[in-house]
Amino acid sequence: MRFWRVIEPHLGFLLQGFALTIAACLLAIVGAVLLGAVTASMRSSGNTWVRGAANAYGDVFRNVPFLVQLFFFFYGLPELGIYIGAFETGVIAMSIAGGAFVSDVILSGIMTVDTGVIDAAKVSGLSRFKIFTRIVLPIALRVSVRPMGSVLINLVLTSSILSTITVNELTGTAKIVAATTFKPFEVYAVLLVLYASLTTLLSFVISATHHRLNRFMTGG
């Protein structure tokens, strides 16, 4: 079969790129969710300076193209004497960019928490920190899981841009194979399948997490 004859010699190389994409995405997702949760808590703070700093971070990284952010970290920081590997730069840039969008989702979830629940927690003697971490944030995350899924899937798709800073993830390896074989149709067909598989799996995980978290919270 012609298709297999083209792909088979390069399958291992493509799968190495796929594994690198998965690693970058997993690290970036963890980073984006943690940074988003911290930023959302800061944006809901009563301190004007803390809230302003968090809002400024969100405004900057939501409104600047990711490619520009990536080039700033990879090409700009060395001018300041800060040297980071290409893979690490990609993960950091994705985490920071994704965190800005995740914070919007989590903040929306925070705003849905009934003030009566918070007042009852205050009456029971819980500190503001415990109220936020034990009551507000869990409820906000429960509400935010599904809409956050769209942000995280977009983060996975954004990982293809890492090939522009010499990271041989899935798209980077596909470009090399396509240039070597002069068979872009077959190579990019494999690329379509692998990216679709990855985003479909992530969608399934998000849906399962949403179902389980809501069932737990409702006692079902």
N, C-alpha and C. Protein backbone atom coordinates (compact mmCIF):
# COMPACT_ATOMS: atom_id res chain seq x y z
N MET A 1 0.85 -1.19 0.00
CA MET A 1 0.00 0.00 0.00
C MET A 1 0.89 1.25 0.00
N ARG A 2 0.61 2.15 -0.93
CA ARG A 2 1.47 3.32 -1.11
C ARG A 2 1.55 4.17 0.16
N PHE A 3 0.42 4.39 0.79
CA PHE A 3 0.40 5.23 1.98
C PHE A 3 1.35 4.69 3.04
N TRP A 4 1.26 3.40 3.33
CA TRP A 4 2.08 2.79 4.36
C TRP A 4 3.55 2.79 3.98
N ARG A 5 3.87 2.62 2.68
CA ARG A 5 5.25 2.63 2.23
C ARG A 5 5.90 3.99 2.47
N VAL A 6 5.10 5.04 2.37
CA VAL A 6 5.64 6.38 2.60
C VAL A 6 5.86 6.62 4.10
N ILE A 7 4.91 6.21 4.92
CA ILE A 7 4.93 6.54 6.35
C ILE A 7 5.79 5.59 7.17
N GLU A 8 5.79 4.32 6.85
CA GLU A 8 6.42 3.31 7.70
C GLU A 8 7.89 3.60 8.06
N PRO A 9 8.73 4.04 7.13
CA PRO A 9 10.13 4.31 7.51
C PRO A 9 10.28 5.48 8.48
N HIS A 10 9.30 6.35 8.54
CA HIS A 10 9.40 7.55 9.36
C HIS A 10 8.44 7.52 10.55
N LEU A 11 7.75 6.41 10.76
CA LEU A 11 6.73 6.33 11.80
C LEU A 11 7.33 6.55 13.19
N GLY A 12 8.49 5.94 13.43
CA GLY A 12 9.13 6.09 14.74
C GLY A 12 9.47 7.55 15.04
N PHE A 13 9.95 8.25 14.02
CA PHE A 13 10.31 9.67 14.19
C PHE A 13 9.06 10.50 14.47
N LEU A 14 7.98 10.22 13.74
CA LEU A 14 6.73 10.93 13.96
C LEU A 14 6.18 10.67 15.36
N LEU A 15 6.28 9.43 15.81
CA LEU A 15 5.78 9.10 17.15
C LEU A 15 6.63 9.73 18.25
N GLN A 16 7.92 9.91 17.98
CA GLN A 16 8.76 10.65 18.94
C GLN A 16 8.26 12.09 19.08
N GLY A 17 7.94 12.69 17.94
CA GLY A 17 7.39 14.04 17.96
C GLY A 17 6.05 14.08 18.67
N PHE A 18 5.24 13.04 18.47
CA PHE A 18 3.94 12.96 19.13
C PHE A 18 4.12 12.85 20.65
N ALA A 19 5.09 12.05 21.08
CA ALA A 19 5.35 11.91 22.51
C ALA A 19 5.82 13.23 23.10
N LEU A 20 6.62 13.99 22.35
CA LEU A 20 7.08 15.29 22.83
C LEU A 20 5.92 16.27 22.93
N THR A 21 4.99 16.20 21.98
CA THR A 21 3.79 17.04 22.03
C THR A 21 2.96 16.72 23.26
N ILE A 22 2.77 15.44 23.54
CA ILE A 22 1.99 15.03 24.71
C ILE A 22 2.64 15.53 26.00
N ALA A 23 3.97 15.39 26.08
CA ALA A 23 4.68 15.84 27.28
C ALA A 23 4.53 17.35 27.47
N ALA A 24 4.72 18.10 26.39
CA ALA A 24 4.61 19.57 26.47
C ALA A 24 3.20 19.98 26.86
N CYS A 25 2.20 19.32 26.30
CA CYS A 25 0.81 19.67 26.57
C CYS A 25 0.42 19.34 28.01
N LEU A 26 0.84 18.19 28.50
CA LEU A 26 0.51 17.81 29.88
C LEU A 26 1.12 18.80 30.88
N LEU A 27 2.39 19.14 30.66
CA LEU A 27 3.05 20.10 31.56
C LEU A 27 2.39 21.47 31.47
N ALA A 28 2.06 21.88 30.24
CA ALA A 28 1.46 23.20 30.05
C ALA A 28 0.05 23.26 30.64
N ILE A 29 -0.70 22.17 30.54
CA ILE A 29 -2.05 22.13 31.11
C ILE A 29 -1.98 22.28 32.63
N VAL A 30 -1.08 21.53 33.25
CA VAL A 30 -0.92 21.64 34.71
C VAL A 30 -0.52 23.07 35.08
N GLY A 31 0.45 23.62 34.35
CA GLY A 31 0.90 24.98 34.63
C GLY A 31 -0.20 26.01 34.43
N ALA A 32 -0.97 25.86 33.35
CA ALA A 32 -2.04 26.82 33.05
C ALA A 32 -3.15 26.78 34.09
N VAL A 33 -3.52 25.58 34.54
CA VAL A 33 -4.59 25.45 35.53
C VAL A 33 -4.14 26.03 36.88
N LEU A 34 -2.91 25.71 37.29
CA LEU A 34 -2.41 26.25 38.56
C LEU A 34 -2.30 27.77 38.51
N LEU A 35 -1.71 28.27 37.42
CA LEU A 35 -1.56 29.72 37.28
C LEU A 35 -2.91 30.40 37.15
N GLY A 36 -3.83 29.76 36.44
CA GLY A 36 -5.17 30.32 36.28
C GLY A 36 -5.92 30.39 37.60
N ALA A 37 -5.76 29.35 38.43
CA ALA A 37 -6.44 29.34 39.73
C ALA A 37 -5.88 30.43 40.64
N VAL A 38 -4.56 30.58 40.65
CA VAL A 38 -3.94 31.63 41.48
C VAL A 38 -4.37 33.01 40.99
N THR A 39 -4.35 33.20 39.67
CA THR A 39 -4.72 34.50 39.11
C THR A 39 -6.18 34.83 39.38
N ALA A 40 -7.05 33.82 39.25
CA ALA A 40 -8.47 34.04 39.52
C ALA A 40 -8.70 34.44 40.97
N SER A 41 -7.96 33.81 41.88
CA SER A 41 -8.10 34.18 43.29
C SER A 41 -7.62 35.60 43.53
N MET A 42 -6.55 36.00 42.83
CA MET A 42 -6.05 37.36 42.95
C MET A 42 -7.04 38.37 42.37
N ARG A 43 -7.68 38.00 41.27
CA ARG A 43 -8.65 38.90 40.64
C ARG A 43 -9.91 39.07 41.47
N SER A 44 -10.17 38.13 42.36
CA SER A 44 -11.33 38.24 43.25
C SER A 44 -10.96 38.82 44.61
N SER A 45 -9.69 39.23 44.75
CA SER A 45 -9.20 39.77 46.01
C SER A 45 -9.78 41.16 46.27
N GLY A 46 -9.86 41.50 47.55
CA GLY A 46 -10.31 42.83 47.93
C GLY A 46 -9.20 43.87 47.86
N ASN A 47 -7.96 43.40 47.69
CA ASN A 47 -6.81 44.30 47.60
C ASN A 47 -6.71 44.86 46.18
N THR A 48 -6.76 46.17 46.05
CA THR A 48 -6.76 46.81 44.73
C THR A 48 -5.49 46.51 43.95
N TRP A 49 -4.33 46.53 44.63
CA TRP A 49 -3.07 46.29 43.94
C TRP A 49 -2.96 44.85 43.44
N VAL A 50 -3.36 43.93 44.28
CA VAL A 50 -3.32 42.51 43.88
C VAL A 50 -4.27 42.27 42.71
N ARG A 51 -5.47 42.79 42.81
CA ARG A 51 -6.46 42.64 41.74
C ARG A 51 -5.97 43.30 40.45
N GLY A 52 -5.37 44.47 40.57
CA GLY A 52 -4.88 45.18 39.39
C GLY A 52 -3.76 44.44 38.70
N ALA A 53 -2.84 43.87 39.47
CA ALA A 53 -1.73 43.12 38.89
C ALA A 53 -2.24 41.88 38.14
N ALA A 54 -3.19 41.18 38.74
CA ALA A 54 -3.75 39.99 38.10
C ALA A 54 -4.51 40.36 36.82
N ASN A 55 -5.27 41.44 36.87
CA ASN A 55 -6.00 41.88 35.68
C ASN A 55 -5.04 42.31 34.56
N ALA A 56 -3.94 42.96 34.94
CA ALA A 56 -2.96 43.39 33.95
C ALA A 56 -2.32 42.19 33.26
N TYR A 57 -1.98 41.16 34.04
CA TYR A 57 -1.43 39.93 33.47
C TYR A 57 -2.40 39.32 32.46
N GLY A 58 -3.66 39.21 32.85
CA GLY A 58 -4.66 38.63 31.96
C GLY A 58 -4.84 39.44 30.70
N ASP A 59 -4.90 40.76 30.83
CA ASP A 59 -5.10 41.62 29.66
C ASP A 59 -3.94 41.50 28.67
N VAL A 60 -2.72 41.47 29.19
CA VAL A 60 -1.56 41.40 28.31
C VAL A 60 -1.51 40.09 27.54
N PHE A 61 -1.63 38.98 28.26
CA PHE A 61 -1.42 37.68 27.61
C PHE A 61 -2.64 37.16 26.86
N ARG A 62 -3.80 37.76 27.09
CA ARG A 62 -4.96 37.41 26.27
C ARG A 62 -4.96 38.17 24.95
N ASN A 63 -4.32 39.33 24.91
CA ASN A 63 -4.44 40.22 23.77
C ASN A 63 -3.18 40.33 22.91
N VAL A 64 -2.20 39.50 23.20
CA VAL A 64 -0.98 39.45 22.39
C VAL A 64 -0.91 38.09 21.72
N PRO A 65 -0.67 38.01 20.40
CA PRO A 65 -0.59 36.71 19.72
C PRO A 65 0.40 35.78 20.40
N PHE A 66 0.04 34.51 20.48
CA PHE A 66 0.92 33.55 21.16
C PHE A 66 2.29 33.47 20.50
N LEU A 67 2.33 33.59 19.19
CA LEU A 67 3.61 33.52 18.49
C LEU A 67 4.55 34.63 18.95
N VAL A 68 4.00 35.82 19.16
CA VAL A 68 4.80 36.95 19.65
C VAL A 68 5.31 36.65 21.06
N GLN A 69 4.45 36.11 21.91
CA GLN A 69 4.87 35.75 23.27
C GLN A 69 5.99 34.71 23.23
N LEU A 70 5.82 33.72 22.38
CA LEU A 70 6.80 32.64 22.28
C LEU A 70 8.15 33.18 21.81
N PHE A 71 8.14 34.03 20.80
CA PHE A 71 9.38 34.61 20.30
C PHE A 71 10.03 35.52 21.35
N PHE A 72 9.19 36.22 22.12
CA PHE A 72 9.75 37.07 23.18
C PHE A 72 10.53 36.23 24.18
N PHE A 73 9.93 35.13 24.64
CA PHE A 73 10.60 34.28 25.62
C PHE A 73 11.84 33.60 25.03
N PHE A 74 11.74 33.14 23.77
CA PHE A 74 12.84 32.35 23.20
C PHE A 74 13.97 33.23 22.66
N TYR A 75 13.63 34.33 21.99
CA TYR A 75 14.66 35.18 21.40
C TYR A 75 14.96 36.43 22.22
N GLY A 76 13.95 36.91 22.99
CA GLY A 76 14.14 38.14 23.74
C GLY A 76 14.86 37.96 25.06
N LEU A 77 14.49 36.94 25.83
CA LEU A 77 15.09 36.76 27.16
C LEU A 77 16.61 36.55 27.12
N PRO A 78 17.16 35.83 26.12
CA PRO A 78 18.62 35.72 26.08
C PRO A 78 19.34 37.05 26.03
N GLU A 79 18.69 38.08 25.48
CA GLU A 79 19.30 39.42 25.46
C GLU A 79 19.46 39.97 26.87
N LEU A 80 18.67 39.43 27.82
CA LEU A 80 18.77 39.84 29.22
C LEU A 80 19.62 38.88 30.03
N GLY A 81 20.24 37.93 29.34
CA GLY A 81 21.08 36.94 30.02
C GLY A 81 20.31 35.76 30.58
N ILE A 82 19.06 35.61 30.16
CA ILE A 82 18.23 34.50 30.63
C ILE A 82 18.13 33.46 29.52
N TYR A 83 18.71 32.29 29.74
CA TYR A 83 18.74 31.26 28.72
C TYR A 83 17.93 30.05 29.18
N ILE A 84 16.94 29.68 28.38
CA ILE A 84 16.08 28.54 28.69
C ILE A 84 16.01 27.67 27.44
N GLY A 85 15.99 26.37 27.61
CA GLY A 85 15.90 25.46 26.48
C GLY A 85 14.62 25.67 25.69
N ALA A 86 14.63 25.23 24.44
CA ALA A 86 13.47 25.44 23.56
C ALA A 86 12.22 24.75 24.10
N PHE A 87 12.36 23.50 24.54
CA PHE A 87 11.21 22.76 25.06
C PHE A 87 10.66 23.45 26.31
N GLU A 88 11.55 23.80 27.23
CA GLU A 88 11.13 24.46 28.46
C GLU A 88 10.48 25.81 28.18
N THR A 89 11.04 26.54 27.21
CA THR A 89 10.47 27.82 26.82
C THR A 89 9.04 27.64 26.31
N GLY A 90 8.85 26.62 25.49
CA GLY A 90 7.51 26.35 24.95
C GLY A 90 6.51 26.04 26.04
N VAL A 91 6.90 25.20 27.00
CA VAL A 91 6.00 24.84 28.10
C VAL A 91 5.66 26.06 28.94
N ILE A 92 6.68 26.87 29.26
CA ILE A 92 6.44 28.07 30.06
C ILE A 92 5.52 29.04 29.34
N ALA A 93 5.79 29.28 28.05
CA ALA A 93 4.97 30.22 27.27
C ALA A 93 3.53 29.73 27.18
N MET A 94 3.34 28.43 26.95
CA MET A 94 1.99 27.88 26.87
C MET A 94 1.27 27.98 28.21
N SER A 95 2.00 27.73 29.29
CA SER A 95 1.40 27.80 30.63
C SER A 95 0.95 29.23 30.94
N ILE A 96 1.80 30.19 30.63
CA ILE A 96 1.47 31.58 30.93
C ILE A 96 0.31 32.06 30.07
N ALA A 97 0.36 31.75 28.78
CA ALA A 97 -0.73 32.17 27.88
C ALA A 97 -2.03 31.47 28.25
N GLY A 98 -1.96 30.17 28.51
CA GLY A 98 -3.16 29.42 28.87
C GLY A 98 -3.72 29.85 30.21
N GLY A 99 -2.83 30.18 31.16
CA GLY A 99 -3.28 30.60 32.48
C GLY A 99 -4.14 31.85 32.45
N ALA A 100 -3.86 32.75 31.50
CA ALA A 100 -4.66 33.97 31.38
C ALA A 100 -6.10 33.65 31.02
N PHE A 101 -6.29 32.66 30.14
CA PHE A 101 -7.64 32.29 29.74
C PHE A 101 -8.32 31.42 30.79
N VAL A 102 -7.55 30.52 31.42
CA VAL A 102 -8.11 29.68 32.47
C VAL A 102 -8.61 30.54 33.64
N SER A 103 -7.89 31.61 33.94
CA SER A 103 -8.30 32.48 35.05
C SER A 103 -9.68 33.09 34.79
N ASP A 104 -9.98 33.41 33.52
CA ASP A 104 -11.31 33.94 33.19
C ASP A 104 -12.39 32.92 33.51
N VAL A 105 -12.12 31.66 33.15
CA VAL A 105 -13.11 30.60 33.37
C VAL A 105 -13.33 30.36 34.86
N ILE A 106 -12.23 30.26 35.61
CA ILE A 106 -12.35 30.00 37.04
C ILE A 106 -12.99 31.20 37.76
N LEU A 107 -12.63 32.41 37.33
CA LEU A 107 -13.23 33.60 37.95
C LEU A 107 -14.74 33.61 37.73
N SER A 108 -15.18 33.21 36.55
CA SER A 108 -16.62 33.11 36.29
C SER A 108 -17.26 32.10 37.24
N GLY A 109 -16.55 31.00 37.50
CA GLY A 109 -17.05 30.01 38.44
C GLY A 109 -17.13 30.55 39.85
N ILE A 110 -16.13 31.34 40.24
CA ILE A 110 -16.12 31.94 41.57
C ILE A 110 -17.33 32.86 41.76
N MET A 111 -17.65 33.59 40.70
CA MET A 111 -18.75 34.55 40.78
C MET A 111 -20.11 33.87 40.88
N THR A 112 -20.16 32.55 40.57
CA THR A 112 -21.44 31.83 40.67
C THR A 112 -21.71 31.32 42.09
N VAL A 113 -20.70 31.38 42.95
CA VAL A 113 -20.86 30.84 44.31
C VAL A 113 -21.85 31.71 45.09
N ASP A 114 -22.83 31.10 45.67
CA ASP A 114 -23.86 31.80 46.43
C ASP A 114 -23.25 32.51 47.64
N THR A 115 -23.52 33.80 47.78
CA THR A 115 -22.98 34.55 48.91
C THR A 115 -23.49 34.01 50.25
N GLY A 116 -24.65 33.37 50.22
CA GLY A 116 -25.18 32.78 51.45
C GLY A 116 -24.27 31.69 51.98
N VAL A 117 -23.68 30.92 51.07
CA VAL A 117 -22.75 29.86 51.47
C VAL A 117 -21.53 30.47 52.14
N ILE A 118 -21.02 31.56 51.57
CA ILE A 118 -19.85 32.23 52.13
C ILE A 118 -20.18 32.83 53.49
N ASP A 119 -21.34 33.46 53.62
CA ASP A 119 -21.75 34.05 54.90
C ASP A 119 -21.88 32.99 55.98
N ALA A 120 -22.43 31.84 55.61
CA ALA A 120 -22.57 30.74 56.58
C ALA A 120 -21.22 30.25 57.04
N ALA A 121 -20.25 30.20 56.10
CA ALA A 121 -18.90 29.76 56.46
C ALA A 121 -18.23 30.76 57.40
N LYS A 122 -18.49 32.05 57.17
CA LYS A 122 -17.92 33.09 58.05
C LYS A 122 -18.49 32.96 59.46
N VAL A 123 -19.78 32.70 59.53
CA VAL A 123 -20.43 32.56 60.83
C VAL A 123 -19.85 31.37 61.59
N SER A 124 -19.49 30.32 60.85
CA SER A 124 -18.95 29.12 61.50
C SER A 124 -17.52 29.32 61.98
N GLY A 125 -16.93 30.46 61.65
CA GLY A 125 -15.60 30.78 62.17
C GLY A 125 -14.44 30.46 61.26
N LEU A 126 -14.70 30.07 60.03
CA LEU A 126 -13.62 29.76 59.10
C LEU A 126 -12.92 31.04 58.65
N SER A 127 -11.61 30.95 58.45
CA SER A 127 -10.85 32.10 57.96
C SER A 127 -11.16 32.32 56.48
N ARG A 128 -10.80 33.49 55.96
CA ARG A 128 -11.05 33.80 54.55
C ARG A 128 -10.30 32.82 53.65
N PHE A 129 -9.07 32.46 54.08
CA PHE A 129 -8.27 31.52 53.27
C PHE A 129 -8.96 30.16 53.19
N LYS A 130 -9.43 29.67 54.33
CA LYS A 130 -10.09 28.36 54.34
C LYS A 130 -11.42 28.41 53.59
N ILE A 131 -12.13 29.51 53.69
CA ILE A 131 -13.39 29.65 52.96
C ILE A 131 -13.13 29.56 51.46
N PHE A 132 -12.05 30.22 51.02
CA PHE A 132 -11.76 30.23 49.59
C PHE A 132 -11.28 28.86 49.11
N THR A 133 -10.33 28.26 49.84
CA THR A 133 -9.72 27.01 49.37
C THR A 133 -10.62 25.79 49.57
N ARG A 134 -11.47 25.81 50.62
CA ARG A 134 -12.28 24.63 50.93
C ARG A 134 -13.71 24.71 50.41
N ILE A 135 -14.17 25.92 50.14
CA ILE A 135 -15.57 26.07 49.71
C ILE A 135 -15.68 26.74 48.35
N VAL A 136 -15.15 27.96 48.23
CA VAL A 136 -15.33 28.73 47.00
C VAL A 136 -14.63 28.08 45.82
N LEU A 137 -13.34 27.77 45.96
CA LEU A 137 -12.58 27.22 44.83
C LEU A 137 -13.10 25.87 44.36
N PRO A 138 -13.40 24.92 45.27
CA PRO A 138 -13.97 23.64 44.79
C PRO A 138 -15.27 23.81 44.01
N ILE A 139 -16.15 24.69 44.48
CA ILE A 139 -17.40 24.93 43.76
C ILE A 139 -17.11 25.57 42.41
N ALA A 140 -16.18 26.53 42.38
CA ALA A 140 -15.84 27.21 41.13
C ALA A 140 -15.25 26.23 40.12
N LEU A 141 -14.39 25.33 40.59
CA LEU A 141 -13.79 24.35 39.68
C LEU A 141 -14.84 23.38 39.15
N ARG A 142 -15.78 23.01 40.01
CA ARG A 142 -16.86 22.13 39.58
C ARG A 142 -17.63 22.74 38.42
N VAL A 143 -17.91 24.04 38.53
CA VAL A 143 -18.65 24.74 37.48
C VAL A 143 -17.78 24.97 36.24
N SER A 144 -16.46 25.09 36.45
CA SER A 144 -15.57 25.53 35.38
C SER A 144 -15.00 24.41 34.54
N VAL A 145 -15.11 23.17 34.98
CA VAL A 145 -14.43 22.08 34.29
C VAL A 145 -14.77 22.01 32.81
N ARG A 146 -16.05 22.02 32.48
CA ARG A 146 -16.44 21.87 31.08
C ARG A 146 -16.01 23.05 30.21
N PRO A 147 -16.30 24.31 30.60
CA PRO A 147 -15.83 25.42 29.77
C PRO A 147 -14.30 25.52 29.71
N MET A 148 -13.63 25.07 30.77
CA MET A 148 -12.19 25.07 30.76
C MET A 148 -11.64 24.10 29.71
N GLY A 149 -12.44 23.08 29.40
CA GLY A 149 -12.03 22.11 28.41
C GLY A 149 -11.71 22.73 27.06
N SER A 150 -12.50 23.70 26.65
CA SER A 150 -12.25 24.37 25.37
C SER A 150 -10.91 25.10 25.38
N VAL A 151 -10.60 25.72 26.51
CA VAL A 151 -9.32 26.43 26.64
C VAL A 151 -8.16 25.45 26.56
N LEU A 152 -8.28 24.31 27.23
CA LEU A 152 -7.19 23.33 27.26
C LEU A 152 -7.02 22.66 25.90
N ILE A 153 -8.10 22.40 25.21
CA ILE A 153 -8.00 21.82 23.87
C ILE A 153 -7.31 22.81 22.93
N ASN A 154 -7.65 24.08 23.06
CA ASN A 154 -7.00 25.10 22.24
C ASN A 154 -5.51 25.18 22.57
N LEU A 155 -5.18 24.94 23.83
CA LEU A 155 -3.77 24.93 24.24
C LEU A 155 -3.02 23.80 23.54
N VAL A 156 -3.66 22.64 23.44
CA VAL A 156 -3.06 21.50 22.74
C VAL A 156 -2.81 21.85 21.27
N LEU A 157 -3.79 22.46 20.64
CA LEU A 157 -3.64 22.84 19.23
C LEU A 157 -2.56 23.90 19.06
N THR A 158 -2.44 24.78 20.04
CA THR A 158 -1.42 25.83 19.99
C THR A 158 -0.02 25.26 20.05
N SER A 159 0.13 24.07 20.60
CA SER A 159 1.46 23.46 20.74
C SER A 159 2.15 23.27 19.39
N SER A 160 1.38 23.25 18.31
CA SER A 160 1.99 23.09 16.99
C SER A 160 2.91 24.25 16.64
N ILE A 161 2.70 25.40 17.28
CA ILE A 161 3.53 26.58 17.01
C ILE A 161 4.94 26.43 17.58
N LEU A 162 5.11 25.48 18.51
CA LEU A 162 6.43 25.29 19.10
C LEU A 162 7.48 24.88 18.06
N SER A 163 7.02 24.38 16.92
CA SER A 163 7.96 24.01 15.87
C SER A 163 8.73 25.22 15.35
N THR A 164 8.20 26.43 15.57
CA THR A 164 8.87 27.64 15.09
C THR A 164 10.10 28.00 15.92
N ILE A 165 10.27 27.37 17.10
CA ILE A 165 11.46 27.64 17.91
C ILE A 165 12.30 26.37 18.03
N THR A 166 12.28 25.56 16.99
CA THR A 166 13.13 24.36 16.84
C THR A 166 12.75 23.20 17.74
N VAL A 167 11.57 23.21 18.33
CA VAL A 167 11.10 22.05 19.10
C VAL A 167 10.54 21.05 18.11
N ASN A 168 11.13 19.87 18.03
CA ASN A 168 10.66 18.86 17.09
C ASN A 168 9.51 18.05 17.69
N GLU A 169 8.40 18.78 17.98
CA GLU A 169 7.19 18.08 18.40
C GLU A 169 6.51 17.54 17.14
N LEU A 170 5.25 17.21 17.24
CA LEU A 170 4.57 16.51 16.15
C LEU A 170 4.60 17.29 14.84
N THR A 171 4.25 18.57 14.88
CA THR A 171 4.25 19.36 13.66
C THR A 171 5.66 19.54 13.11
N GLY A 172 6.62 19.75 14.01
CA GLY A 172 8.01 19.92 13.58
C GLY A 172 8.54 18.68 12.88
N THR A 173 8.27 17.49 13.44
CA THR A 173 8.73 16.26 12.81
C THR A 173 8.01 16.02 11.48
N ALA A 174 6.73 16.38 11.43
CA ALA A 174 5.97 16.20 10.19
C ALA A 174 6.54 17.08 9.07
N LYS A 175 6.94 18.29 9.40
CA LYS A 175 7.55 19.16 8.39
C LYS A 175 8.83 18.56 7.85
N ILE A 176 9.63 17.99 8.74
CA ILE A 176 10.89 17.37 8.32
C ILE A 176 10.63 16.18 7.41
N VAL A 177 9.68 15.32 7.80
CA VAL A 177 9.37 14.13 7.00
C VAL A 177 8.78 14.52 5.66
N ALA A 178 7.89 15.50 5.65
CA ALA A 178 7.29 15.95 4.40
C ALA A 178 8.34 16.51 3.44
N ALA A 179 9.31 17.24 3.99
CA ALA A 179 10.38 17.81 3.16
C ALA A 179 11.32 16.71 2.64
N THR A 180 11.45 15.63 3.43
CA THR A 180 12.34 14.53 3.04
C THR A 180 11.71 13.63 2.00
N THR A 181 10.43 13.35 2.16
CA THR A 181 9.75 12.38 1.29
C THR A 181 9.07 13.03 0.08
N PHE A 182 8.84 14.34 0.15
CA PHE A 182 8.06 15.05 -0.88
C PHE A 182 6.65 14.45 -1.01
N LYS A 183 6.14 13.95 0.13
CA LYS A 183 4.80 13.37 0.17
C LYS A 183 3.98 14.05 1.28
N PRO A 184 3.65 15.32 1.10
CA PRO A 184 2.95 16.04 2.18
C PRO A 184 1.57 15.50 2.47
N PHE A 185 0.87 14.96 1.46
CA PHE A 185 -0.49 14.47 1.71
C PHE A 185 -0.48 13.36 2.74
N GLU A 186 0.37 12.36 2.54
CA GLU A 186 0.41 11.23 3.46
C GLU A 186 0.88 11.65 4.85
N VAL A 187 1.89 12.50 4.89
CA VAL A 187 2.44 12.92 6.18
C VAL A 187 1.43 13.73 6.99
N TYR A 188 0.80 14.69 6.34
CA TYR A 188 -0.13 15.54 7.07
C TYR A 188 -1.46 14.84 7.34
N ALA A 189 -1.75 13.78 6.61
CA ALA A 189 -2.91 12.96 6.94
C ALA A 189 -2.69 12.28 8.29
N VAL A 190 -1.46 11.78 8.50
CA VAL A 190 -1.12 11.19 9.79
C VAL A 190 -1.19 12.25 10.88
N LEU A 191 -0.74 13.46 10.56
CA LEU A 191 -0.79 14.57 11.52
C LEU A 191 -2.23 14.85 11.94
N LEU A 192 -3.14 14.87 10.98
CA LEU A 192 -4.56 15.10 11.29
C LEU A 192 -5.09 14.05 12.26
N VAL A 193 -4.76 12.79 11.98
CA VAL A 193 -5.26 11.69 12.81
C VAL A 193 -4.71 11.78 14.23
N LEU A 194 -3.42 12.07 14.36
CA LEU A 194 -2.80 12.11 15.69
C LEU A 194 -3.32 13.28 16.52
N TYR A 195 -3.45 14.45 15.91
CA TYR A 195 -4.00 15.59 16.66
C TYR A 195 -5.46 15.35 17.04
N ALA A 196 -6.23 14.78 16.12
CA ALA A 196 -7.64 14.48 16.41
C ALA A 196 -7.75 13.47 17.54
N SER A 197 -6.86 12.48 17.55
CA SER A 197 -6.87 11.48 18.62
C SER A 197 -6.56 12.12 19.96
N LEU A 198 -5.59 13.03 19.97
CA LEU A 198 -5.18 13.67 21.22
C LEU A 198 -6.28 14.57 21.78
N THR A 199 -6.89 15.37 20.93
CA THR A 199 -7.95 16.27 21.41
C THR A 199 -9.22 15.50 21.79
N THR A 200 -9.49 14.41 21.08
CA THR A 200 -10.65 13.58 21.44
C THR A 200 -10.46 12.94 22.80
N LEU A 201 -9.23 12.45 23.05
CA LEU A 201 -8.93 11.86 24.35
C LEU A 201 -9.06 12.90 25.46
N LEU A 202 -8.56 14.09 25.21
CA LEU A 202 -8.65 15.16 26.21
C LEU A 202 -10.11 15.53 26.47
N SER A 203 -10.92 15.58 25.41
CA SER A 203 -12.35 15.87 25.58
C SER A 203 -13.03 14.81 26.44
N PHE A 204 -12.66 13.56 26.23
CA PHE A 204 -13.23 12.46 27.02
C PHE A 204 -12.84 12.61 28.49
N VAL A 205 -11.57 12.92 28.74
CA VAL A 205 -11.09 13.07 30.12
C VAL A 205 -11.82 14.23 30.81
N ILE A 206 -12.00 15.32 30.09
CA ILE A 206 -12.68 16.49 30.66
C ILE A 206 -14.14 16.15 30.98
N SER A 207 -14.82 15.47 30.07
CA SER A 207 -16.21 15.10 30.30
C SER A 207 -16.34 14.15 31.48
N ALA A 208 -15.41 13.17 31.57
CA ALA A 208 -15.44 12.22 32.68
C ALA A 208 -15.16 12.92 34.00
N THR A 209 -14.22 13.88 34.00
CA THR A 209 -13.91 14.63 35.20
C THR A 209 -15.10 15.48 35.64
N HIS A 210 -15.74 16.12 34.67
CA HIS A 210 -16.92 16.93 34.98
C HIS A 210 -18.03 16.08 35.59
N HIS A 211 -18.27 14.92 35.01
CA HIS A 211 -19.32 14.04 35.52
C HIS A 211 -19.00 13.56 36.92
N ARG A 212 -17.75 13.14 37.14
CA ARG A 212 -17.38 12.59 38.45
C ARG A 212 -17.38 13.68 39.52
N LEU A 213 -16.86 14.86 39.18
CA LEU A 213 -16.79 15.93 40.16
C LEU A 213 -18.20 16.38 40.57
N ASN A 214 -19.08 16.50 39.59
CA ASN A 214 -20.46 16.93 39.88
C ASN A 214 -21.19 15.86 40.67
N ARG A 215 -20.94 14.59 40.35
CA ARG A 215 -21.59 13.50 41.09
C ARG A 215 -21.11 13.51 42.53
N PHE A 216 -19.81 13.75 42.72
CA PHE A 216 -19.26 13.79 44.08
C PHE A 216 -19.84 14.95 44.87
N MET A 217 -19.92 16.11 44.21
CA MET A 217 -20.41 17.31 44.91
C MET A 217 -21.88 17.21 45.26
N THR A 218 -22.63 16.46 44.45
CA THR A 218 -24.06 16.33 44.72
C THR A 218 -24.36 15.11 45.57
N GLY A 219 -23.29 14.32 45.85
CA GLY A 219 -23.49 13.16 46.71
C GLY A 219 -24.08 12.00 45.99
N GLY A 220 -24.06 12.02 44.57
CA GLY A 220 -24.63 10.94 43.81
C GLY A 220 -23.74 9.76 43.65
